[in-house]
Amino acid sequence: MNHYMCIHTFTSEEARREYLTPPEKRDPPEKRLTEKEWASFGNSTKATCLQEWLGDEEFFFCHWYAESPDAILEQLDILGHTSLVITACYEMERFTSAFRNSDEPRYYPDHDY
């Protein structure tokens, strides 16, 4: 499994509005998920979305832990999001976060620079 940063670009203005509409204002209304519920919703053994950064733009970012980009795209399809977004996946060799609060040394990929 590897870490991926994904850029999700909305397929249209209508798709952007659909995704950004609060659940309670949808037709029919839905329950608003907690962060904990969101973290467990729609994940699989092959692809897990760990973090999301969402503004009011035509794109947003997600941090995935997955077997491959195809596993991420498959999970998005299962969730019904492929009609809403076009996704570009980029594998990240290093993941450093203050939220992990780890004492592990930072990883440096083995490249010949």
C-alpha atoms as a PDB file:
ATOM      1  CA  MET A   1       0.000   0.000   0.000  1.00  0.00           C
ATOM      2  CA  ASN A   2       1.189   3.494  -0.838  1.00  0.00           C
ATOM      3  CA  HIS A   3       0.191   7.079  -0.110  1.00  0.00           C
ATOM      4  CA  TYR A   4      -1.396   9.087  -2.923  1.00  0.00           C
ATOM      5  CA  MET A   5      -2.406  12.707  -3.286  1.00  0.00           C
ATOM      6  CA  CYS A   6      -5.369  12.993  -5.616  1.00  0.00           C
ATOM      7  CA  ILE A   7      -6.704  16.059  -7.350  1.00  0.00           C
ATOM      8  CA  HIS A   8     -10.422  15.680  -7.949  1.00  0.00           C
ATOM      9  CA  THR A   9     -11.814  18.102 -10.557  1.00  0.00           C
ATOM     10  CA  PHE A  10     -15.578  18.432 -10.859  1.00  0.00           C
ATOM     11  CA  THR A  11     -17.006  17.343 -14.208  1.00  0.00           C
ATOM     12  CA  SER A  12     -19.376  20.329 -14.303  1.00  0.00           C
ATOM     13  CA  GLU A  13     -20.737  23.208 -12.273  1.00  0.00           C
ATOM     14  CA  GLU A  14     -23.803  21.051 -11.567  1.00  0.00           C
ATOM     15  CA  ALA A  15     -21.572  18.251 -10.209  1.00  0.00           C
ATOM     16  CA  ARG A  16     -19.718  20.762  -8.014  1.00  0.00           C
ATOM     17  CA  ARG A  17     -22.990  22.067  -6.572  1.00  0.00           C
ATOM     18  CA  GLU A  18     -24.274  18.519  -5.998  1.00  0.00           C
ATOM     19  CA  TYR A  19     -21.121  17.516  -4.090  1.00  0.00           C
ATOM     20  CA  LEU A  20     -20.997  20.733  -2.038  1.00  0.00           C
ATOM     21  CA  THR A  21     -24.686  20.777  -1.061  1.00  0.00           C
ATOM     22  CA  PRO A  22     -25.047  19.952   2.645  1.00  0.00           C
ATOM     23  CA  PRO A  23     -26.779  16.568   3.099  1.00  0.00           C
ATOM     24  CA  GLU A  24     -29.743  18.020   4.995  1.00  0.00           C
ATOM     25  CA  LYS A  25     -30.506  20.344   2.030  1.00  0.00           C
ATOM     26  CA  ARG A  26     -30.541  17.513  -0.558  1.00  0.00           C
ATOM     27  CA  ASP A  27     -33.690  16.017  -2.030  1.00  0.00           C
ATOM     28  CA  PRO A  28     -34.364  13.795  -0.187  1.00  0.00           C
ATOM     29  CA  PRO A  29     -32.513  15.088   2.885  1.00  0.00           C
ATOM     30  CA  GLU A  30     -29.705  12.918   4.266  1.00  0.00           C
ATOM     31  CA  LYS A  31     -27.932  12.669   7.610  1.00  0.00           C
ATOM     32  CA  ARG A  32     -24.722  14.669   7.948  1.00  0.00           C
ATOM     33  CA  LEU A  33     -21.774  12.339   8.685  1.00  0.00           C
ATOM     34  CA  THR A  34     -19.363  12.936  11.540  1.00  0.00           C
ATOM     35  CA  GLU A  35     -15.634  12.901  10.715  1.00  0.00           C
ATOM     36  CA  LYS A  36     -15.426   9.428  12.253  1.00  0.00           C
ATOM     37  CA  GLU A  37     -18.307   8.179  10.098  1.00  0.00           C
ATOM     38  CA  TRP A  38     -16.757   9.794   7.004  1.00  0.00           C
ATOM     39  CA  ALA A  39     -13.444   8.066   7.726  1.00  0.00           C
ATOM     40  CA  SER A  40     -15.067   4.636   7.676  1.00  0.00           C
ATOM     41  CA  PHE A  41     -17.595   5.292   4.904  1.00  0.00           C
ATOM     42  CA  GLY A  42     -16.830   3.861   1.511  1.00  0.00           C
ATOM     43  CA  ASN A  43     -13.335   2.568   2.192  1.00  0.00           C
ATOM     44  CA  SER A  44     -12.117  -0.839   1.088  1.00  0.00           C
ATOM     45  CA  THR A  45      -9.172  -3.110   1.793  1.00  0.00           C
ATOM     46  CA  LYS A  46      -7.577  -1.769  -1.415  1.00  0.00           C
ATOM     47  CA  ALA A  47      -8.201   1.989  -1.045  1.00  0.00           C
ATOM     48  CA  THR A  48      -8.836   4.235   1.959  1.00  0.00           C
ATOM     49  CA  CYS A  49      -9.346   7.976   1.865  1.00  0.00           C
ATOM     50  CA  LEU A  50      -7.513   9.418   4.869  1.00  0.00           C
ATOM     51  CA  GLN A  51      -7.930  13.169   4.431  1.00  0.00           C
ATOM     52  CA  GLU A  52      -9.866  15.654   2.309  1.00  0.00           C
ATOM     53  CA  TRP A  53      -9.195  19.329   1.598  1.00  0.00           C
ATOM     54  CA  LEU A  54     -12.261  20.996   0.108  1.00  0.00           C
ATOM     55  CA  GLY A  55     -12.931  24.612  -0.698  1.00  0.00           C
ATOM     56  CA  ASP A  56     -15.443  26.270  -3.017  1.00  0.00           C
ATOM     57  CA  GLU A  57     -13.422  25.758  -6.186  1.00  0.00           C
ATOM     58  CA  GLU A  58     -13.767  23.424  -9.169  1.00  0.00           C
ATOM     59  CA  PHE A  59     -11.323  20.983  -7.581  1.00  0.00           C
ATOM     60  CA  PHE A  60     -10.350  19.504  -4.213  1.00  0.00           C
ATOM     61  CA  PHE A  61      -7.621  17.271  -2.804  1.00  0.00           C
ATOM     62  CA  CYS A  62      -7.656  13.919  -1.016  1.00  0.00           C
ATOM     63  CA  HIS A  63      -4.964  11.837   0.653  1.00  0.00           C
ATOM     64  CA  TRP A  64      -5.440   8.135  -0.121  1.00  0.00           C
ATOM     65  CA  TYR A  65      -3.716   5.016   1.151  1.00  0.00           C
ATOM     66  CA  ALA A  66      -4.138   2.447  -1.591  1.00  0.00           C
ATOM     67  CA  GLU A  67      -2.723  -0.473  -3.520  1.00  0.00           C
ATOM     68  CA  SER A  68      -2.722   1.524  -6.765  1.00  0.00           C
ATOM     69  CA  PRO A  69      -4.327   4.457  -8.591  1.00  0.00           C
ATOM     70  CA  ASP A  70      -6.735   1.945 -10.158  1.00  0.00           C
ATOM     71  CA  ALA A  71      -7.890   0.878  -6.669  1.00  0.00           C
ATOM     72  CA  ILE A  72      -8.695   4.525  -5.877  1.00  0.00           C
ATOM     73  CA  LEU A  73     -10.606   4.980  -9.127  1.00  0.00           C
ATOM     74  CA  GLU A  74     -12.495   1.735  -8.506  1.00  0.00           C
ATOM     75  CA  GLN A  75     -13.483   2.931  -5.026  1.00  0.00           C
ATOM     76  CA  LEU A  76     -14.653   6.271  -6.393  1.00  0.00           C
ATOM     77  CA  ASP A  77     -16.754   4.388  -8.944  1.00  0.00           C
ATOM     78  CA  ILE A  78     -18.333   2.244  -6.194  1.00  0.00           C
ATOM     79  CA  LEU A  79     -19.200   5.458  -4.315  1.00  0.00           C
ATOM     80  CA  GLY A  80     -20.797   6.929  -7.443  1.00  0.00           C
ATOM     81  CA  HIS A  81     -18.301   9.783  -7.609  1.00  0.00           C
ATOM     82  CA  THR A  82     -16.918   9.106 -11.110  1.00  0.00           C
ATOM     83  CA  SER A  83     -19.855  11.007 -12.613  1.00  0.00           C
ATOM     84  CA  LEU A  84     -18.966  13.994 -10.394  1.00  0.00           C
ATOM     85  CA  VAL A  85     -15.172  14.175 -10.592  1.00  0.00           C
ATOM     86  CA  ILE A  86     -12.198  13.459 -12.805  1.00  0.00           C
ATOM     87  CA  THR A  87      -9.299  12.256 -10.661  1.00  0.00           C
ATOM     88  CA  ALA A  88      -5.530  12.487 -11.062  1.00  0.00           C
ATOM     89  CA  CYS A  89      -3.561  10.294  -8.620  1.00  0.00           C
ATOM     90  CA  TYR A  90       0.047  10.966  -7.644  1.00  0.00           C
ATOM     91  CA  GLU A  91       2.012   8.498  -5.555  1.00  0.00           C
ATOM     92  CA  MET A  92       3.881  10.144  -2.686  1.00  0.00           C
ATOM     93  CA  GLU A  93       7.042   8.456  -1.467  1.00  0.00           C
ATOM     94  CA  ARG A  94       7.112  10.452   1.747  1.00  0.00           C
ATOM     95  CA  PHE A  95       4.239  11.245   4.091  1.00  0.00           C
ATOM     96  CA  THR A  96       5.142  13.503   7.001  1.00  0.00           C
ATOM     97  CA  SER A  97       2.474  14.917   9.295  1.00  0.00           C
ATOM     98  CA  ALA A  98       2.317  16.762  12.596  1.00  0.00           C
ATOM     99  CA  PHE A  99      -0.925  14.841  13.246  1.00  0.00           C
ATOM    100  CA  ARG A 100       0.957  11.530  13.440  1.00  0.00           C
ATOM    101  CA  ASN A 101       3.331  13.010  16.032  1.00  0.00           C
ATOM    102  CA  SER A 102       5.849  10.272  15.239  1.00  0.00           C
ATOM    103  CA  ASP A 103       9.389   9.933  16.560  1.00  0.00           C
ATOM    104  CA  GLU A 104      10.326   8.047  13.376  1.00  0.00           C
ATOM    105  CA  PRO A 105      13.028   9.695  11.228  1.00  0.00           C
ATOM    106  CA  ARG A 106      11.748  11.347   8.061  1.00  0.00           C
ATOM    107  CA  TYR A 107      11.948   9.093   5.033  1.00  0.00           C
ATOM    108  CA  TYR A 108      14.047  10.069   2.012  1.00  0.00           C
ATOM    109  CA  PRO A 109      13.436   8.158  -1.232  1.00  0.00           C
ATOM    110  CA  ASP A 110      16.458   6.360  -2.628  1.00  0.00           C
ATOM    111  CA  HIS A 111      17.215   8.409  -5.742  1.00  0.00           C
ATOM    112  CA  ASP A 112      20.470   9.096  -7.529  1.00  0.00           C
ATOM    113  CA  TYR A 113      20.599  12.902  -7.506  1.00  0.00           C
END
